[in-house]
Protein backbone atom coordinates (compact mmCIF):
# COMPACT_ATOMS: atom_id res chain seq x y z
CA MET A 1 -122.10 -2.36 -2.67
CA ASN A 2 -124.54 0.48 -1.89
CA ARG A 3 -128.06 0.25 -3.23
CA LEU A 4 -129.78 3.47 -4.19
CA ALA A 5 -132.39 4.69 -1.74
CA ALA A 6 -135.98 3.83 -2.64
CA HIS A 7 -137.03 7.48 -2.97
CA VAL A 8 -134.21 8.07 -5.49
CA ARG A 9 -135.30 5.07 -7.57
CA VAL A 10 -138.94 6.20 -7.49
CA SER A 11 -137.95 9.73 -8.57
CA ALA A 12 -135.90 8.31 -11.44
CA LEU A 13 -138.78 6.05 -12.46
CA LEU A 14 -141.21 8.99 -12.56
CA ARG A 15 -138.78 11.19 -14.49
CA ARG A 16 -137.90 8.51 -17.07
CA THR A 17 -141.58 7.66 -17.60
CA HIS A 18 -142.48 11.30 -18.22
CA ASP A 19 -139.47 11.69 -20.53
CA ALA A 20 -140.74 8.70 -22.53
CA GLY A 21 -144.12 10.38 -23.00
CA GLY A 22 -145.96 8.33 -20.41
CA SER A 23 -147.68 9.14 -17.17
CA ALA A 24 -146.58 8.08 -13.71
CA MET A 25 -147.71 8.68 -10.18
CA VAL A 26 -146.98 7.51 -6.68
CA LEU A 27 -150.05 5.75 -5.28
CA ALA A 28 -148.44 5.20 -1.87
CA LYS A 29 -145.19 6.47 -0.38
CA GLY A 30 -143.05 3.97 1.43
CA GLU A 31 -139.95 4.15 3.57
CA ALA A 32 -137.56 6.61 1.93
CA MET A 33 -134.34 4.65 2.21
CA GLY A 34 -135.12 0.95 2.08
CA GLY A 35 -138.75 0.45 1.15
CA ALA A 36 -139.57 -2.06 -1.57
CA ILE A 37 -141.15 -0.73 -4.77
CA LEU A 38 -144.24 -2.32 -6.34
CA VAL A 39 -145.01 -1.02 -9.83
CA GLN A 40 -148.45 -1.23 -11.41
CA THR A 41 -148.18 -1.12 -15.20
CA LEU A 42 -150.97 0.18 -17.40
CA ASP A 43 -151.61 0.24 -21.14
CA ARG A 44 -153.63 3.34 -22.03
CA GLY A 45 -155.29 3.32 -18.63
CA ARG A 46 -155.99 -0.44 -18.51
CA HIS A 47 -154.27 -2.51 -15.80
CA VAL A 48 -151.69 -4.88 -17.28
CA GLY A 49 -149.92 -6.18 -14.18
CA PHE A 50 -147.55 -5.59 -11.29
CA CYS A 51 -143.81 -6.07 -11.07
CA GLU A 52 -141.15 -5.60 -8.43
CA ARG A 53 -137.53 -6.31 -7.66
CA GLY A 54 -136.90 -9.85 -6.57
CA TYR A 55 -134.38 -12.60 -7.14
CA GLY A 56 -134.24 -14.95 -10.09
CA PRO A 57 -133.37 -18.65 -10.02
CA ASP A 58 -129.68 -17.74 -10.30
CA GLY A 59 -129.90 -15.72 -7.08
CA LEU A 60 -129.32 -12.41 -8.88
CA PRO A 61 -131.67 -9.41 -8.72
CA ALA A 62 -134.43 -9.67 -11.32
CA LEU A 63 -137.77 -8.16 -12.26
CA ILE A 64 -140.53 -10.35 -10.84
CA VAL A 65 -144.12 -10.34 -12.04
CA ALA A 66 -146.47 -10.06 -9.06
CA GLY A 67 -150.18 -9.95 -8.38
CA PRO A 68 -153.12 -10.15 -10.74
CA VAL A 69 -152.59 -9.77 -14.49
CA ASP A 70 -155.16 -8.04 -16.73
CA ALA A 71 -157.42 -7.48 -13.72
CA ASP A 72 -160.10 -4.82 -13.39
CA SER A 73 -159.03 -1.66 -11.57
CA GLN A 74 -160.86 -2.60 -8.35
CA THR A 75 -159.06 -5.95 -8.09
CA ALA A 76 -155.72 -4.29 -8.83
CA THR A 77 -156.33 -1.62 -6.19
CA GLN A 78 -157.34 -4.23 -3.61
CA TYR A 79 -154.12 -6.13 -4.32
CA TRP A 80 -151.74 -3.24 -3.73
CA GLN A 81 -153.71 -1.99 -0.72
CA ARG A 82 -153.49 -5.47 0.85
CA ARG A 83 -149.73 -5.48 0.20
CA ARG A 84 -149.45 -2.07 1.89
CA ARG A 85 -151.34 -3.27 4.95
CA ASN A 86 -148.77 -6.07 5.31
CA ASP A 87 -145.80 -3.83 4.47
CA PRO A 88 -146.35 -0.14 5.29
CA ASP A 89 -142.82 0.63 4.00
CA LEU A 90 -143.85 -0.42 0.47
CA TRP A 91 -143.88 2.16 -2.31
CA VAL A 92 -146.61 1.72 -4.93
CA VAL A 93 -146.06 3.43 -8.28
CA GLU A 94 -148.35 3.44 -11.31
CA LEU A 95 -146.86 3.70 -14.82
CA ASP A 96 -148.69 4.09 -18.11
CA VAL A 97 -145.94 4.00 -20.73
CA ALA A 98 -144.75 1.82 -23.60
CA ALA A 99 -142.25 -0.86 -22.55
CA ALA A 100 -142.94 -0.23 -18.86
CA GLN A 101 -141.30 -3.44 -17.63
CA ARG A 102 -138.06 -2.65 -19.47
CA LEU A 103 -137.98 0.80 -17.91
CA VAL A 104 -138.72 -0.61 -14.46
CA ALA A 105 -135.99 -3.23 -14.82
CA GLU A 106 -133.44 -0.55 -15.73
CA ILE A 107 -134.24 1.55 -12.69
CA ILE A 108 -135.28 -0.68 -9.81
CA VAL A 109 -133.43 -3.91 -10.58
CA ASN A 110 -130.01 -2.67 -11.69
CA ASP A 111 -127.72 -1.24 -9.03
């Protein structure tokens, strides 16, 4: 089974978000082929939370909630910057769109 390259998933995420009337931007570029993708979700400019691909209790790929929830923008920024220092291959993408987690699950979790 071949997983899509990270840069392809990020491009799809940006395109789908814009198509849904939201805004999206890459805060940090990671490794093009295999970098993990951390997504910061916003609601009308207010930080809601972070999510990323992980594994559920059944061992299957799942969307995992990560980092601070409903934090101020400084705390959220510090979180993803700390993650990047530990993993320079990590992509960080910001989405401000309705049903962001559903959209993220469709693109970065499903192969």
